[in-house]
Amino acid sequence: MTSAAPDQRVVVMDVDSTLITGEVIEMLAGHAGSRAAVTAITESAMRGEIDFATSLHQRVATLAGLPEAVFDAVRAEMTLTPGAERLVAELHRRGWPVGLVSGGFHELVDPLAERLGIGFVRANRLEVEAGHLTGRVTGPVVDAEAKAVALRELARAHGVPMERTVAIGDGANDLRMLAAAGLGIAFNAKPVVCAQADVAVLDAPLDAVLEHLDAPA
């Protein structure tokens, strides 16, 4: 563990509909012909109507049989949220550790993190056999509790107290890390998330959160 500067913060953010404009599971489903069904399940999970792990398994099952090359196609479809690059660049400039915690997939999040210079990533991993998706994930599911654990892990690694941590997200799966953080920011989020976050940033670019990061912890 390192010792943090007095003004240092740790910032962890969700990926789908936070760092990027869409949901990668829906982009994958578009290639499987199951987008409508997957979108309905996603919306239900984001509103907190069904638990994330159940929704993840239901949605991933619809991807069975897709060729592994679909990852390249979806990477090309992913679009950063306006202000995302400016936010990450400013956090790097300040020397604040940044992490991505995603209910999405390493296969798609890792290249994005590398592009942005972010070394801490927690996400799910899709099972691939004989060059095709099996419709299953491998390893533990990155759910709401796992996101909160990841936030604590990154803060501990850099010697930053939890009251100086920041979490940014938009869905019900982000609520535990928003609650665990010293500052939980709901970004263009569902009403259930806005109601429980410390701050809600709506209809704004992602770097608009900097206004709140500059306030005293």
C-alpha atoms as a PDB file:
ATOM      1  CA  MET A   1       0.000   0.000   0.000  1.00  0.00           C
ATOM      2  CA  THR A   2       1.251   3.464  -0.876  1.00  0.00           C
ATOM      3  CA  SER A   3       0.682   6.652   1.077  1.00  0.00           C
ATOM      4  CA  ALA A   4      -1.692   9.116  -0.556  1.00  0.00           C
ATOM      5  CA  ALA A   5      -1.245  12.866  -0.799  1.00  0.00           C
ATOM      6  CA  PRO A   6      -3.733  14.758   1.404  1.00  0.00           C
ATOM      7  CA  ASP A   7      -5.786  15.960  -1.570  1.00  0.00           C
ATOM      8  CA  GLN A   8      -5.699  12.727  -3.546  1.00  0.00           C
ATOM      9  CA  ARG A   9      -8.873  10.917  -4.491  1.00  0.00           C
ATOM     10  CA  VAL A  10      -9.590   7.551  -6.067  1.00  0.00           C
ATOM     11  CA  VAL A  11     -12.190   7.553  -8.845  1.00  0.00           C
ATOM     12  CA  VAL A  12     -13.983   4.413  -9.998  1.00  0.00           C
ATOM     13  CA  MET A  13     -16.609   4.455 -12.704  1.00  0.00           C
ATOM     14  CA  ASP A  14     -19.043   2.178 -14.427  1.00  0.00           C
ATOM     15  CA  VAL A  15     -18.574   1.628 -18.161  1.00  0.00           C
ATOM     16  CA  ASP A  16     -21.867   0.957 -19.978  1.00  0.00           C
ATOM     17  CA  SER A  17     -23.986   4.123 -20.286  1.00  0.00           C
ATOM     18  CA  THR A  18     -21.415   5.957 -18.144  1.00  0.00           C
ATOM     19  CA  LEU A  19     -17.979   5.885 -19.761  1.00  0.00           C
ATOM     20  CA  ILE A  20     -19.536   4.832 -23.068  1.00  0.00           C
ATOM     21  CA  THR A  21     -22.908   5.801 -24.497  1.00  0.00           C
ATOM     22  CA  GLY A  22     -24.451   2.337 -24.864  1.00  0.00           C
ATOM     23  CA  GLU A  23     -24.671  -1.136 -23.357  1.00  0.00           C
ATOM     24  CA  VAL A  24     -22.202  -3.639 -24.840  1.00  0.00           C
ATOM     25  CA  ILE A  25     -24.472  -6.589 -24.085  1.00  0.00           C
ATOM     26  CA  GLU A  26     -27.084  -4.979 -26.330  1.00  0.00           C
ATOM     27  CA  MET A  27     -24.496  -4.420 -29.064  1.00  0.00           C
ATOM     28  CA  LEU A  28     -23.521  -8.082 -28.860  1.00  0.00           C
ATOM     29  CA  ALA A  29     -27.190  -9.072 -28.906  1.00  0.00           C
ATOM     30  CA  GLY A  30     -27.650  -7.039 -32.074  1.00  0.00           C
ATOM     31  CA  HIS A  31     -25.363  -9.517 -33.795  1.00  0.00           C
ATOM     32  CA  ALA A  32     -27.276 -12.456 -32.299  1.00  0.00           C
ATOM     33  CA  GLY A  33     -30.748 -11.211 -33.255  1.00  0.00           C
ATOM     34  CA  SER A  34     -31.750 -10.943 -29.602  1.00  0.00           C
ATOM     35  CA  ARG A  35     -31.410  -7.215 -29.013  1.00  0.00           C
ATOM     36  CA  ALA A  36     -35.056  -6.527 -28.138  1.00  0.00           C
ATOM     37  CA  ALA A  37     -35.169  -9.272 -25.531  1.00  0.00           C
ATOM     38  CA  VAL A  38     -31.808  -8.296 -24.061  1.00  0.00           C
ATOM     39  CA  THR A  39     -32.734  -4.597 -23.900  1.00  0.00           C
ATOM     40  CA  ALA A  40     -35.893  -5.426 -21.965  1.00  0.00           C
ATOM     41  CA  ILE A  41     -33.917  -7.506 -19.454  1.00  0.00           C
ATOM     42  CA  THR A  42     -31.251  -4.788 -19.147  1.00  0.00           C
ATOM     43  CA  GLU A  43     -33.834  -2.098 -18.425  1.00  0.00           C
ATOM     44  CA  SER A  44     -35.496  -4.268 -15.793  1.00  0.00           C
ATOM     45  CA  ALA A  45     -32.148  -4.888 -14.088  1.00  0.00           C
ATOM     46  CA  MET A  46     -31.133  -1.213 -14.235  1.00  0.00           C
ATOM     47  CA  ARG A  47     -34.393  -0.295 -12.498  1.00  0.00           C
ATOM     48  CA  GLY A  48     -33.606  -2.846  -9.801  1.00  0.00           C
ATOM     49  CA  GLU A  49     -36.530  -5.130 -10.651  1.00  0.00           C
ATOM     50  CA  ILE A  50     -34.372  -8.256 -11.039  1.00  0.00           C
ATOM     51  CA  ASP A  51     -30.938  -8.961  -9.614  1.00  0.00           C
ATOM     52  CA  PHE A  52     -27.954  -8.364 -11.830  1.00  0.00           C
ATOM     53  CA  ALA A  53     -26.534 -11.900 -11.835  1.00  0.00           C
ATOM     54  CA  THR A  54     -29.837 -13.357 -13.008  1.00  0.00           C
ATOM     55  CA  SER A  55     -30.173 -10.746 -15.712  1.00  0.00           C
ATOM     56  CA  LEU A  56     -26.582 -11.285 -16.852  1.00  0.00           C
ATOM     57  CA  HIS A  57     -27.021 -15.025 -17.268  1.00  0.00           C
ATOM     58  CA  GLN A  58     -30.325 -14.548 -19.107  1.00  0.00           C
ATOM     59  CA  ARG A  59     -28.824 -12.045 -21.522  1.00  0.00           C
ATOM     60  CA  VAL A  60     -25.561 -13.872 -22.149  1.00  0.00           C
ATOM     61  CA  ALA A  61     -27.475 -17.075 -22.925  1.00  0.00           C
ATOM     62  CA  THR A  62     -28.891 -15.355 -26.016  1.00  0.00           C
ATOM     63  CA  LEU A  63     -25.354 -14.886 -27.385  1.00  0.00           C
ATOM     64  CA  ALA A  64     -24.590 -18.601 -27.704  1.00  0.00           C
ATOM     65  CA  GLY A  65     -23.092 -19.448 -31.076  1.00  0.00           C
ATOM     66  CA  LEU A  66     -21.744 -15.998 -31.951  1.00  0.00           C
ATOM     67  CA  PRO A  67     -18.258 -16.161 -33.495  1.00  0.00           C
ATOM     68  CA  GLU A  68     -15.415 -14.738 -31.426  1.00  0.00           C
ATOM     69  CA  ALA A  69     -14.864 -12.165 -34.179  1.00  0.00           C
ATOM     70  CA  VAL A  70     -17.967 -10.368 -32.879  1.00  0.00           C
ATOM     71  CA  PHE A  71     -15.713  -8.694 -30.297  1.00  0.00           C
ATOM     72  CA  ASP A  72     -13.928  -6.750 -33.041  1.00  0.00           C
ATOM     73  CA  ALA A  73     -17.246  -5.660 -34.531  1.00  0.00           C
ATOM     74  CA  VAL A  74     -18.604  -4.431 -31.200  1.00  0.00           C
ATOM     75  CA  ARG A  75     -15.376  -2.627 -30.275  1.00  0.00           C
ATOM     76  CA  ALA A  76     -15.852  -0.617 -33.466  1.00  0.00           C
ATOM     77  CA  GLU A  77     -19.414   0.272 -32.377  1.00  0.00           C
ATOM     78  CA  MET A  78     -18.493   1.466 -28.874  1.00  0.00           C
ATOM     79  CA  THR A  79     -18.603   5.251 -28.446  1.00  0.00           C
ATOM     80  CA  LEU A  80     -17.129   7.162 -25.540  1.00  0.00           C
ATOM     81  CA  THR A  81     -19.536   9.434 -23.698  1.00  0.00           C
ATOM     82  CA  PRO A  82     -18.896  13.116 -24.503  1.00  0.00           C
ATOM     83  CA  GLY A  83     -16.432  14.438 -21.949  1.00  0.00           C
ATOM     84  CA  ALA A  84     -15.057  10.994 -21.034  1.00  0.00           C
ATOM     85  CA  GLU A  85     -11.601  11.535 -22.479  1.00  0.00           C
ATOM     86  CA  ARG A  86     -11.386  14.999 -20.913  1.00  0.00           C
ATOM     87  CA  LEU A  87     -12.366  13.618 -17.509  1.00  0.00           C
ATOM     88  CA  VAL A  88      -9.868  10.765 -17.564  1.00  0.00           C
ATOM     89  CA  ALA A  89      -7.081  13.034 -18.847  1.00  0.00           C
ATOM     90  CA  GLU A  90      -7.724  15.490 -16.013  1.00  0.00           C
ATOM     91  CA  LEU A  91      -7.753  12.728 -13.385  1.00  0.00           C
ATOM     92  CA  HIS A  92      -4.443  11.448 -14.742  1.00  0.00           C
ATOM     93  CA  ARG A  93      -3.059  14.990 -14.665  1.00  0.00           C
ATOM     94  CA  ARG A  94      -3.954  15.235 -10.996  1.00  0.00           C
ATOM     95  CA  GLY A  95      -2.347  11.868 -10.293  1.00  0.00           C
ATOM     96  CA  TRP A  96      -5.593  10.379  -9.015  1.00  0.00           C
ATOM     97  CA  PRO A  97      -5.949   6.605  -9.492  1.00  0.00           C
ATOM     98  CA  VAL A  98      -8.788   5.678 -11.872  1.00  0.00           C
ATOM     99  CA  GLY A  99     -10.561   2.341 -12.179  1.00  0.00           C
ATOM    100  CA  LEU A 100     -13.269   0.840 -14.354  1.00  0.00           C
ATOM    101  CA  VAL A 101     -15.769  -1.553 -12.804  1.00  0.00           C
ATOM    102  CA  SER A 102     -18.165  -3.063 -15.290  1.00  0.00           C
ATOM    103  CA  GLY A 103     -20.993  -5.517 -15.504  1.00  0.00           C
ATOM    104  CA  GLY A 104     -19.817  -5.840 -19.100  1.00  0.00           C
ATOM    105  CA  PHE A 105     -16.934  -7.880 -20.377  1.00  0.00           C
ATOM    106  CA  HIS A 106     -13.135  -7.818 -20.243  1.00  0.00           C
ATOM    107  CA  GLU A 107     -12.983  -8.623 -23.945  1.00  0.00           C
ATOM    108  CA  LEU A 108     -14.495  -5.213 -24.695  1.00  0.00           C
ATOM    109  CA  VAL A 109     -13.525  -3.104 -21.676  1.00  0.00           C
ATOM    110  CA  ASP A 110      -9.810  -3.956 -21.559  1.00  0.00           C
ATOM    111  CA  PRO A 111      -8.911  -2.385 -24.938  1.00  0.00           C
ATOM    112  CA  LEU A 112     -10.862   0.737 -23.965  1.00  0.00           C
ATOM    113  CA  ALA A 113      -9.064   0.963 -20.639  1.00  0.00           C
ATOM    114  CA  GLU A 114      -5.702   0.562 -22.372  1.00  0.00           C
ATOM    115  CA  ARG A 115      -6.589   3.349 -24.794  1.00  0.00           C
ATOM    116  CA  LEU A 116      -7.377   5.659 -21.870  1.00  0.00           C
ATOM    117  CA  GLY A 117      -4.374   4.643 -19.788  1.00  0.00           C
ATOM    118  CA  ILE A 118      -6.454   2.970 -17.072  1.00  0.00           C
ATOM    119  CA  GLY A 119      -4.797  -0.060 -15.503  1.00  0.00           C
ATOM    120  CA  PHE A 120      -7.449  -1.153 -12.988  1.00  0.00           C
ATOM    121  CA  VAL A 121     -10.389  -3.039 -14.537  1.00  0.00           C
ATOM    122  CA  ARG A 122     -12.976  -5.386 -13.069  1.00  0.00           C
ATOM    123  CA  ALA A 123     -15.469  -6.959 -15.473  1.00  0.00           C
ATOM    124  CA  ASN A 124     -17.073 -10.237 -16.452  1.00  0.00           C
ATOM    125  CA  ARG A 125     -15.553 -12.634 -18.966  1.00  0.00           C
ATOM    126  CA  LEU A 126     -17.437 -14.445 -21.717  1.00  0.00           C
ATOM    127  CA  GLU A 127     -16.768 -18.139 -22.230  1.00  0.00           C
ATOM    128  CA  VAL A 128     -15.495 -19.039 -25.683  1.00  0.00           C
ATOM    129  CA  GLU A 129     -15.062 -22.569 -27.017  1.00  0.00           C
ATOM    130  CA  ALA A 130     -13.885 -23.507 -30.503  1.00  0.00           C
ATOM    131  CA  GLY A 131     -14.020 -19.865 -31.568  1.00  0.00           C
ATOM    132  CA  HIS A 132     -17.654 -19.285 -30.540  1.00  0.00           C
ATOM    133  CA  LEU A 133     -19.435 -17.871 -27.501  1.00  0.00           C
ATOM    134  CA  THR A 134     -21.057 -20.558 -25.374  1.00  0.00           C
ATOM    135  CA  GLY A 135     -23.724 -18.311 -23.858  1.00  0.00           C
ATOM    136  CA  ARG A 136     -22.039 -18.481 -20.454  1.00  0.00           C
ATOM    137  CA  VAL A 137     -19.654 -16.347 -18.401  1.00  0.00           C
ATOM    138  CA  THR A 138     -16.576 -17.666 -16.643  1.00  0.00           C
ATOM    139  CA  GLY A 139     -15.485 -16.825 -13.120  1.00  0.00           C
ATOM    140  CA  PRO A 140     -17.316 -14.812 -10.470  1.00  0.00           C
ATOM    141  CA  VAL A 141     -19.968 -12.386 -11.689  1.00  0.00           C
ATOM    142  CA  VAL A 142     -19.109  -8.701 -11.280  1.00  0.00           C
ATOM    143  CA  ASP A 143     -22.309  -7.609  -9.582  1.00  0.00           C
ATOM    144  CA  ALA A 144     -23.174  -4.739  -7.263  1.00  0.00           C
ATOM    145  CA  GLU A 145     -21.197  -6.131  -4.319  1.00  0.00           C
ATOM    146  CA  ALA A 146     -18.172  -6.898  -6.494  1.00  0.00           C
ATOM    147  CA  LYS A 147     -18.145  -3.297  -7.694  1.00  0.00           C
ATOM    148  CA  ALA A 148     -18.093  -2.016  -4.109  1.00  0.00           C
ATOM    149  CA  VAL A 149     -15.295  -4.460  -3.256  1.00  0.00           C
ATOM    150  CA  ALA A 150     -13.277  -3.241  -6.257  1.00  0.00           C
ATOM    151  CA  LEU A 151     -13.600   0.361  -5.080  1.00  0.00           C
ATOM    152  CA  ARG A 152     -12.287  -0.573  -1.642  1.00  0.00           C
ATOM    153  CA  GLU A 153      -9.471  -2.591  -3.218  1.00  0.00           C
ATOM    154  CA  LEU A 154      -8.245   0.304  -5.360  1.00  0.00           C
ATOM    155  CA  ALA A 155      -8.472   2.763  -2.464  1.00  0.00           C
ATOM    156  CA  ARG A 156      -6.543   0.436  -0.155  1.00  0.00           C
ATOM    157  CA  ALA A 157      -3.837  -0.146  -2.789  1.00  0.00           C
ATOM    158  CA  HIS A 158      -3.181   3.591  -2.969  1.00  0.00           C
ATOM    159  CA  GLY A 159      -3.610   4.387   0.718  1.00  0.00           C
ATOM    160  CA  VAL A 160      -6.631   6.600   0.086  1.00  0.00           C
ATOM    161  CA  PRO A 161      -9.283   6.647   2.837  1.00  0.00           C
ATOM    162  CA  MET A 162     -12.793   5.684   1.753  1.00  0.00           C
ATOM    163  CA  GLU A 163     -14.104   9.179   2.500  1.00  0.00           C
ATOM    164  CA  ARG A 164     -11.925  10.429  -0.368  1.00  0.00           C
ATOM    165  CA  THR A 165     -13.158   7.887  -2.883  1.00  0.00           C
ATOM    166  CA  VAL A 166     -15.511   8.701  -5.756  1.00  0.00           C
ATOM    167  CA  ALA A 167     -17.810   6.322  -7.613  1.00  0.00           C
ATOM    168  CA  ILE A 168     -19.710   7.201 -10.804  1.00  0.00           C
ATOM    169  CA  GLY A 169     -22.511   5.090 -12.264  1.00  0.00           C
ATOM    170  CA  ASP A 170     -25.992   5.017 -13.704  1.00  0.00           C
ATOM    171  CA  GLY A 171     -27.783   1.779 -12.814  1.00  0.00           C
ATOM    172  CA  ALA A 172     -29.018  -0.240  -9.859  1.00  0.00           C
ATOM    173  CA  ASN A 173     -25.927  -2.425 -10.152  1.00  0.00           C
ATOM    174  CA  ASP A 174     -23.864   0.636  -9.153  1.00  0.00           C
ATOM    175  CA  LEU A 175     -25.755   1.459  -5.969  1.00  0.00           C
ATOM    176  CA  ARG A 176     -23.504  -0.408  -3.534  1.00  0.00           C
ATOM    177  CA  MET A 177     -20.310   1.203  -4.806  1.00  0.00           C
ATOM    178  CA  LEU A 178     -22.014   4.618  -4.825  1.00  0.00           C
ATOM    179  CA  ALA A 179     -23.008   4.049  -1.201  1.00  0.00           C
ATOM    180  CA  ALA A 180     -19.539   2.814  -0.243  1.00  0.00           C
ATOM    181  CA  ALA A 181     -17.762   5.801  -1.804  1.00  0.00           C
ATOM    182  CA  GLY A 182     -17.130   9.044  -0.018  1.00  0.00           C
ATOM    183  CA  LEU A 183     -18.880  10.681  -2.979  1.00  0.00           C
ATOM    184  CA  GLY A 184     -21.363   8.702  -5.065  1.00  0.00           C
ATOM    185  CA  ILE A 185     -22.287  10.368  -8.361  1.00  0.00           C
ATOM    186  CA  ALA A 186     -25.299   9.297 -10.423  1.00  0.00           C
ATOM    187  CA  PHE A 187     -24.490  10.150 -14.039  1.00  0.00           C
ATOM    188  CA  ASN A 188     -27.434  10.395 -16.470  1.00  0.00           C
ATOM    189  CA  ALA A 189     -28.876   7.744 -14.211  1.00  0.00           C
ATOM    190  CA  LYS A 190     -32.132   5.952 -13.549  1.00  0.00           C
ATOM    191  CA  PRO A 191     -34.396   7.649 -10.961  1.00  0.00           C
ATOM    192  CA  VAL A 192     -33.741   4.945  -8.354  1.00  0.00           C
ATOM    193  CA  VAL A 193     -30.024   5.712  -8.600  1.00  0.00           C
ATOM    194  CA  CYS A 194     -30.396   9.501  -8.558  1.00  0.00           C
ATOM    195  CA  ALA A 195     -32.506   9.217  -5.428  1.00  0.00           C
ATOM    196  CA  GLN A 196     -29.788   7.328  -3.528  1.00  0.00           C
ATOM    197  CA  ALA A 197     -26.619   9.007  -4.817  1.00  0.00           C
ATOM    198  CA  ASP A 198     -24.927  11.945  -3.134  1.00  0.00           C
ATOM    199  CA  VAL A 199     -24.989  13.925  -6.378  1.00  0.00           C
ATOM    200  CA  ALA A 200     -26.863  13.548  -9.679  1.00  0.00           C
ATOM    201  CA  VAL A 201     -25.374  14.891 -12.918  1.00  0.00           C
ATOM    202  CA  LEU A 202     -27.974  14.892 -15.672  1.00  0.00           C
ATOM    203  CA  ASP A 203     -27.959  15.876 -19.348  1.00  0.00           C
ATOM    204  CA  ALA A 204     -24.291  16.828 -19.210  1.00  0.00           C
ATOM    205  CA  PRO A 205     -20.936  15.579 -20.540  1.00  0.00           C
ATOM    206  CA  LEU A 206     -19.034  13.218 -18.275  1.00  0.00           C
ATOM    207  CA  ASP A 207     -16.394  15.769 -17.335  1.00  0.00           C
ATOM    208  CA  ALA A 208     -19.142  17.821 -15.685  1.00  0.00           C
ATOM    209  CA  VAL A 209     -18.534  15.635 -12.630  1.00  0.00           C
ATOM    210  CA  LEU A 210     -15.258  17.526 -12.080  1.00  0.00           C
ATOM    211  CA  GLU A 211     -17.253  20.355 -10.509  1.00  0.00           C
ATOM    212  CA  HIS A 212     -18.196  17.993  -7.707  1.00  0.00           C
ATOM    213  CA  LEU A 213     -14.724  16.456  -7.384  1.00  0.00           C
ATOM    214  CA  ASP A 214     -13.299  19.894  -6.682  1.00  0.00           C
ATOM    215  CA  ALA A 215     -15.550  20.338  -3.644  1.00  0.00           C
ATOM    216  CA  PRO A 216     -14.073  19.471  -0.219  1.00  0.00           C
ATOM    217  CA  ALA A 217     -14.345  15.779   0.657  1.00  0.00           C
END
